[in-house]
Amino acid sequence: MARAATTTDAFNAVAEPRRRQILDLLSGGELPVNDLVALLGLAQPLVSKHLRVLREVGLVDVRDEGRQRMYRLNPAPLKPIHDWVKKYERSWSERFERMDVVLAELKDMENGDGDDE
């Protein structure tokens, strides 16, 4: 029985760490595949495989420039991921604020500024 595709959308595509690395590199601008290979330290066929997945979900665009294939980030398919993660931003902010309070209290105790005097 054939295995179901796991890269049918941006969520699944970015679940793979190497693909996130590729997106990070392309966020700085367009790059030829050979530069991606060198920067990632991976074999060219493996980089091409990841690029194919990213192309299929629309996260990267490719164009031919002479003998080179130039890849660039297409951030639009990342919006659903951003929207989903944004739901948790308030929770994270609240937790970081509570942690700041605890750290300030610990620092005060360390400096002898506690209320136990």
N, C-alpha and C. Protein backbone atom coordinates (compact mmCIF):
# COMPACT_ATOMS: atom_id res chain seq x y z
N MET A 1 0.84 -1.18 0.00
CA MET A 1 0.00 0.00 0.00
C MET A 1 0.88 1.24 0.00
N ALA A 2 0.60 2.18 -0.87
CA ALA A 2 1.42 3.39 -0.99
C ALA A 2 1.23 4.27 0.23
N ARG A 3 2.33 4.90 0.62
CA ARG A 3 2.29 5.81 1.75
C ARG A 3 1.69 7.14 1.32
N ALA A 4 0.87 7.74 2.16
CA ALA A 4 0.24 9.02 1.85
C ALA A 4 1.30 10.13 1.85
N ALA A 5 1.12 11.09 0.98
CA ALA A 5 2.04 12.22 0.93
C ALA A 5 1.98 12.99 2.23
N THR A 6 3.14 13.38 2.71
CA THR A 6 3.20 14.13 3.97
C THR A 6 3.53 15.59 3.71
N THR A 7 3.59 15.99 2.47
CA THR A 7 3.99 17.36 2.16
C THR A 7 2.98 18.04 1.25
N THR A 8 1.73 17.89 1.58
CA THR A 8 0.69 18.45 0.72
C THR A 8 0.37 19.90 1.03
N ASP A 9 0.90 20.42 2.13
CA ASP A 9 0.67 21.82 2.47
C ASP A 9 1.90 22.40 3.16
N ALA A 10 1.87 23.69 3.40
CA ALA A 10 3.02 24.37 3.99
C ALA A 10 3.34 23.84 5.39
N PHE A 11 2.31 23.51 6.17
CA PHE A 11 2.55 22.99 7.52
C PHE A 11 3.43 21.74 7.47
N ASN A 12 3.06 20.80 6.61
CA ASN A 12 3.82 19.57 6.50
C ASN A 12 5.20 19.81 5.89
N ALA A 13 5.26 20.69 4.91
CA ALA A 13 6.54 20.95 4.26
C ALA A 13 7.55 21.54 5.23
N VAL A 14 7.14 22.46 6.09
CA VAL A 14 8.10 23.09 7.01
C VAL A 14 8.34 22.25 8.26
N ALA A 15 7.66 21.13 8.38
CA ALA A 15 7.91 20.25 9.51
C ALA A 15 9.31 19.63 9.43
N GLU A 16 9.87 19.59 8.24
CA GLU A 16 11.20 19.00 8.04
C GLU A 16 12.27 20.08 8.26
N PRO A 17 13.20 19.86 9.19
CA PRO A 17 14.19 20.89 9.55
C PRO A 17 15.03 21.40 8.37
N ARG A 18 15.42 20.53 7.47
CA ARG A 18 16.24 20.98 6.33
C ARG A 18 15.46 21.94 5.43
N ARG A 19 14.17 21.72 5.31
CA ARG A 19 13.37 22.62 4.49
C ARG A 19 13.26 23.98 5.15
N ARG A 20 13.18 23.99 6.47
CA ARG A 20 13.18 25.28 7.18
C ARG A 20 14.50 26.00 6.98
N GLN A 21 15.59 25.25 6.96
CA GLN A 21 16.90 25.86 6.71
C GLN A 21 16.92 26.49 5.32
N ILE A 22 16.40 25.80 4.36
CA ILE A 22 16.35 26.33 2.99
C ILE A 22 15.54 27.62 2.96
N LEU A 23 14.39 27.62 3.61
CA LEU A 23 13.57 28.83 3.66
C LEU A 23 14.30 29.97 4.35
N ASP A 24 15.03 29.65 5.42
CA ASP A 24 15.81 30.69 6.11
C ASP A 24 16.85 31.29 5.17
N LEU A 25 17.53 30.44 4.41
CA LEU A 25 18.54 30.94 3.48
C LEU A 25 17.91 31.79 2.39
N LEU A 26 16.77 31.36 1.88
CA LEU A 26 16.11 32.10 0.81
C LEU A 26 15.44 33.37 1.31
N SER A 27 15.24 33.49 2.61
CA SER A 27 14.65 34.72 3.14
C SER A 27 15.60 35.91 2.94
N GLY A 28 16.88 35.61 2.73
CA GLY A 28 17.86 36.66 2.46
C GLY A 28 17.94 37.05 1.01
N GLY A 29 17.23 36.36 0.16
CA GLY A 29 17.22 36.68 -1.27
C GLY A 29 17.39 35.44 -2.12
N GLU A 30 17.27 35.65 -3.39
CA GLU A 30 17.34 34.58 -4.38
C GLU A 30 18.73 33.93 -4.39
N LEU A 31 18.74 32.60 -4.53
CA LEU A 31 20.01 31.85 -4.57
C LEU A 31 19.93 30.75 -5.61
N PRO A 32 21.09 30.47 -6.26
CA PRO A 32 21.13 29.31 -7.15
C PRO A 32 21.25 28.03 -6.32
N VAL A 33 20.80 26.94 -6.90
CA VAL A 33 20.80 25.67 -6.19
C VAL A 33 22.21 25.30 -5.71
N ASN A 34 23.23 25.60 -6.49
CA ASN A 34 24.60 25.25 -6.07
C ASN A 34 25.01 25.99 -4.80
N ASP A 35 24.56 27.22 -4.63
CA ASP A 35 24.85 27.95 -3.39
C ASP A 35 24.13 27.31 -2.21
N LEU A 36 22.89 26.90 -2.43
CA LEU A 36 22.15 26.22 -1.37
C LEU A 36 22.85 24.94 -0.96
N VAL A 37 23.32 24.19 -1.93
CA VAL A 37 24.06 22.94 -1.66
C VAL A 37 25.28 23.24 -0.78
N ALA A 38 26.04 24.26 -1.17
CA ALA A 38 27.25 24.61 -0.42
C ALA A 38 26.93 25.10 0.99
N LEU A 39 25.92 25.94 1.11
CA LEU A 39 25.57 26.49 2.42
C LEU A 39 25.00 25.44 3.36
N LEU A 40 24.28 24.49 2.82
CA LEU A 40 23.68 23.44 3.65
C LEU A 40 24.62 22.28 3.91
N GLY A 41 25.62 22.12 3.06
CA GLY A 41 26.53 21.00 3.22
C GLY A 41 25.88 19.66 2.93
N LEU A 42 24.91 19.66 2.04
CA LEU A 42 24.20 18.43 1.67
C LEU A 42 24.48 18.09 0.22
N ALA A 43 24.20 16.87 -0.14
CA ALA A 43 24.34 16.45 -1.53
C ALA A 43 23.29 17.16 -2.39
N GLN A 44 23.65 17.47 -3.62
CA GLN A 44 22.76 18.19 -4.52
C GLN A 44 21.43 17.47 -4.73
N PRO A 45 21.41 16.15 -4.90
CA PRO A 45 20.11 15.48 -5.08
C PRO A 45 19.17 15.65 -3.88
N LEU A 46 19.73 15.67 -2.68
CA LEU A 46 18.91 15.84 -1.48
C LEU A 46 18.34 17.26 -1.42
N VAL A 47 19.16 18.26 -1.73
CA VAL A 47 18.69 19.64 -1.75
C VAL A 47 17.61 19.79 -2.81
N SER A 48 17.82 19.20 -3.97
CA SER A 48 16.82 19.28 -5.04
C SER A 48 15.50 18.63 -4.62
N LYS A 49 15.59 17.55 -3.88
CA LYS A 49 14.37 16.87 -3.40
C LYS A 49 13.59 17.80 -2.47
N HIS A 50 14.29 18.45 -1.55
CA HIS A 50 13.62 19.38 -0.63
C HIS A 50 13.05 20.58 -1.39
N LEU A 51 13.80 21.07 -2.35
CA LEU A 51 13.31 22.20 -3.15
C LEU A 51 12.06 21.82 -3.94
N ARG A 52 12.02 20.60 -4.42
CA ARG A 52 10.84 20.14 -5.15
C ARG A 52 9.60 20.17 -4.26
N VAL A 53 9.75 19.69 -3.03
CA VAL A 53 8.64 19.70 -2.08
C VAL A 53 8.20 21.14 -1.81
N LEU A 54 9.17 22.02 -1.58
CA LEU A 54 8.85 23.41 -1.30
C LEU A 54 8.17 24.09 -2.49
N ARG A 55 8.59 23.72 -3.69
CA ARG A 55 7.94 24.24 -4.91
C ARG A 55 6.51 23.74 -5.03
N GLU A 56 6.31 22.46 -4.74
CA GLU A 56 4.98 21.86 -4.88
C GLU A 56 3.94 22.51 -3.97
N VAL A 57 4.36 22.99 -2.81
CA VAL A 57 3.42 23.65 -1.91
C VAL A 57 3.44 25.17 -2.09
N GLY A 58 4.25 25.65 -3.03
CA GLY A 58 4.27 27.07 -3.36
C GLY A 58 5.16 27.94 -2.49
N LEU A 59 6.00 27.34 -1.64
CA LEU A 59 6.85 28.13 -0.76
C LEU A 59 8.08 28.71 -1.45
N VAL A 60 8.48 28.11 -2.56
CA VAL A 60 9.59 28.68 -3.34
C VAL A 60 9.19 28.73 -4.80
N ASP A 61 9.75 29.71 -5.47
CA ASP A 61 9.61 29.85 -6.91
C ASP A 61 10.98 29.62 -7.53
N VAL A 62 11.00 29.17 -8.76
CA VAL A 62 12.26 28.90 -9.45
C VAL A 62 12.21 29.54 -10.82
N ARG A 63 13.37 29.99 -11.25
CA ARG A 63 13.50 30.51 -12.61
C ARG A 63 14.86 30.09 -13.15
N ASP A 64 14.92 29.90 -14.44
CA ASP A 64 16.18 29.55 -15.09
C ASP A 64 16.90 30.82 -15.47
N GLU A 65 18.18 30.83 -15.16
CA GLU A 65 19.06 31.94 -15.56
C GLU A 65 20.30 31.30 -16.18
N GLY A 66 20.28 31.19 -17.49
CA GLY A 66 21.35 30.47 -18.16
C GLY A 66 21.30 29.01 -17.77
N ARG A 67 22.42 28.52 -17.23
CA ARG A 67 22.48 27.12 -16.80
C ARG A 67 22.08 26.94 -15.33
N GLN A 68 21.84 28.04 -14.66
CA GLN A 68 21.50 27.96 -13.23
C GLN A 68 20.00 28.02 -13.01
N ARG A 69 19.59 27.36 -11.96
CA ARG A 69 18.20 27.47 -11.49
C ARG A 69 18.23 28.34 -10.25
N MET A 70 17.52 29.44 -10.30
CA MET A 70 17.51 30.40 -9.20
C MET A 70 16.23 30.20 -8.39
N TYR A 71 16.39 30.10 -7.06
CA TYR A 71 15.26 29.87 -6.17
C TYR A 71 15.04 31.10 -5.31
N ARG A 72 13.77 31.40 -5.08
CA ARG A 72 13.42 32.52 -4.20
C ARG A 72 12.22 32.12 -3.35
N LEU A 73 12.17 32.72 -2.19
CA LEU A 73 11.09 32.46 -1.24
C LEU A 73 9.79 33.10 -1.73
N ASN A 74 8.71 32.36 -1.58
CA ASN A 74 7.37 32.90 -1.78
C ASN A 74 6.68 32.79 -0.42
N PRO A 75 6.65 33.86 0.35
CA PRO A 75 6.17 33.77 1.73
C PRO A 75 4.66 33.63 1.89
N ALA A 76 3.88 33.86 0.86
CA ALA A 76 2.41 33.84 0.99
C ALA A 76 1.88 32.54 1.62
N PRO A 77 2.37 31.35 1.23
CA PRO A 77 1.84 30.12 1.85
C PRO A 77 2.19 29.97 3.33
N LEU A 78 3.08 30.83 3.86
CA LEU A 78 3.41 30.78 5.28
C LEU A 78 2.35 31.49 6.14
N LYS A 79 1.50 32.28 5.50
CA LYS A 79 0.50 33.04 6.27
C LYS A 79 -0.39 32.17 7.13
N PRO A 80 -0.91 31.05 6.64
CA PRO A 80 -1.72 30.20 7.54
C PRO A 80 -0.94 29.72 8.77
N ILE A 81 0.35 29.45 8.60
CA ILE A 81 1.17 29.04 9.73
C ILE A 81 1.30 30.20 10.71
N HIS A 82 1.57 31.39 10.19
CA HIS A 82 1.68 32.58 11.02
C HIS A 82 0.38 32.82 11.79
N ASP A 83 -0.74 32.73 11.08
CA ASP A 83 -2.04 32.97 11.72
C ASP A 83 -2.30 31.96 12.83
N TRP A 84 -1.93 30.71 12.61
CA TRP A 84 -2.14 29.68 13.61
C TRP A 84 -1.26 29.91 14.84
N VAL A 85 0.02 30.21 14.61
CA VAL A 85 0.95 30.42 15.72
C VAL A 85 0.58 31.69 16.50
N LYS A 86 0.07 32.67 15.81
CA LYS A 86 -0.29 33.94 16.45
C LYS A 86 -1.31 33.73 17.57
N LYS A 87 -2.15 32.71 17.44
CA LYS A 87 -3.13 32.41 18.49
C LYS A 87 -2.46 32.16 19.84
N TYR A 88 -1.24 31.68 19.81
CA TYR A 88 -0.53 31.32 21.03
C TYR A 88 0.35 32.45 21.56
N GLU A 89 0.45 33.52 20.82
CA GLU A 89 1.32 34.63 21.20
C GLU A 89 0.93 35.22 22.56
N ARG A 90 -0.35 35.39 22.81
CA ARG A 90 -0.80 35.97 24.08
C ARG A 90 -0.37 35.09 25.25
N SER A 91 -0.55 33.78 25.09
CA SER A 91 -0.15 32.85 26.14
C SER A 91 1.35 32.93 26.41
N TRP A 92 2.13 32.98 25.33
CA TRP A 92 3.58 33.07 25.50
C TRP A 92 3.95 34.38 26.20
N SER A 93 3.33 35.47 25.79
CA SER A 93 3.63 36.78 26.38
C SER A 93 3.32 36.78 27.87
N GLU A 94 2.18 36.21 28.24
CA GLU A 94 1.81 36.14 29.65
C GLU A 94 2.82 35.33 30.44
N ARG A 95 3.26 34.22 29.88
CA ARG A 95 4.24 33.38 30.58
C ARG A 95 5.58 34.09 30.72
N PHE A 96 6.00 34.79 29.68
CA PHE A 96 7.27 35.53 29.76
C PHE A 96 7.16 36.66 30.78
N GLU A 97 6.01 37.32 30.86
CA GLU A 97 5.83 38.38 31.84
C GLU A 97 5.91 37.82 33.26
N ARG A 98 5.28 36.65 33.48
CA ARG A 98 5.36 36.02 34.80
C ARG A 98 6.80 35.62 35.12
N MET A 99 7.51 35.13 34.12
CA MET A 99 8.90 34.75 34.33
C MET A 99 9.74 35.98 34.68
N ASP A 100 9.47 37.11 34.04
CA ASP A 100 10.19 38.35 34.35
C ASP A 100 9.99 38.75 35.80
N VAL A 101 8.75 38.58 36.30
CA VAL A 101 8.46 38.91 37.70
C VAL A 101 9.25 37.99 38.63
N VAL A 102 9.25 36.70 38.35
CA VAL A 102 9.98 35.75 39.18
C VAL A 102 11.48 36.05 39.15
N LEU A 103 12.01 36.33 38.00
CA LEU A 103 13.44 36.64 37.89
C LEU A 103 13.79 37.92 38.65
N ALA A 104 12.93 38.91 38.57
CA ALA A 104 13.16 40.15 39.32
C ALA A 104 13.14 39.89 40.82
N GLU A 105 12.19 39.04 41.28
CA GLU A 105 12.14 38.69 42.70
C GLU A 105 13.39 37.95 43.13
N LEU A 106 13.86 37.02 42.31
CA LEU A 106 15.09 36.28 42.63
C LEU A 106 16.29 37.20 42.68
N LYS A 107 16.34 38.14 41.77
CA LYS A 107 17.45 39.10 41.75
C LYS A 107 17.41 39.97 43.00
N ASP A 108 16.22 40.41 43.40
CA ASP A 108 16.09 41.20 44.63
C ASP A 108 16.55 40.41 45.84
N MET A 109 16.17 39.13 45.91
CA MET A 109 16.58 38.27 47.02
C MET A 109 18.09 38.11 47.03
N GLU A 110 18.68 37.95 45.86
CA GLU A 110 20.12 37.78 45.75
C GLU A 110 20.87 39.04 46.20
N ASN A 111 20.27 40.18 45.93
CA ASN A 111 20.90 41.46 46.30
C ASN A 111 20.55 41.88 47.72
N GLY A 112 19.79 41.06 48.44
CA GLY A 112 19.42 41.38 49.81
C GLY A 112 18.30 42.37 49.91
N ASP A 113 17.56 42.54 48.86
CA ASP A 113 16.45 43.50 48.85
C ASP A 113 15.12 42.84 49.13
N GLY A 114 15.15 41.64 49.67
CA GLY A 114 13.91 40.91 49.91
C GLY A 114 13.08 41.52 51.02
N ASP A 115 11.86 41.07 51.17
CA ASP A 115 10.94 41.60 52.19
C ASP A 115 11.14 40.96 53.54
N ASP A 116 12.10 40.03 53.67
CA ASP A 116 12.24 39.28 54.92
C ASP A 116 13.16 39.99 55.91
N GLU A 117 13.45 41.24 55.71
CA GLU A 117 14.33 41.95 56.65
C GLU A 117 13.56 42.59 57.75
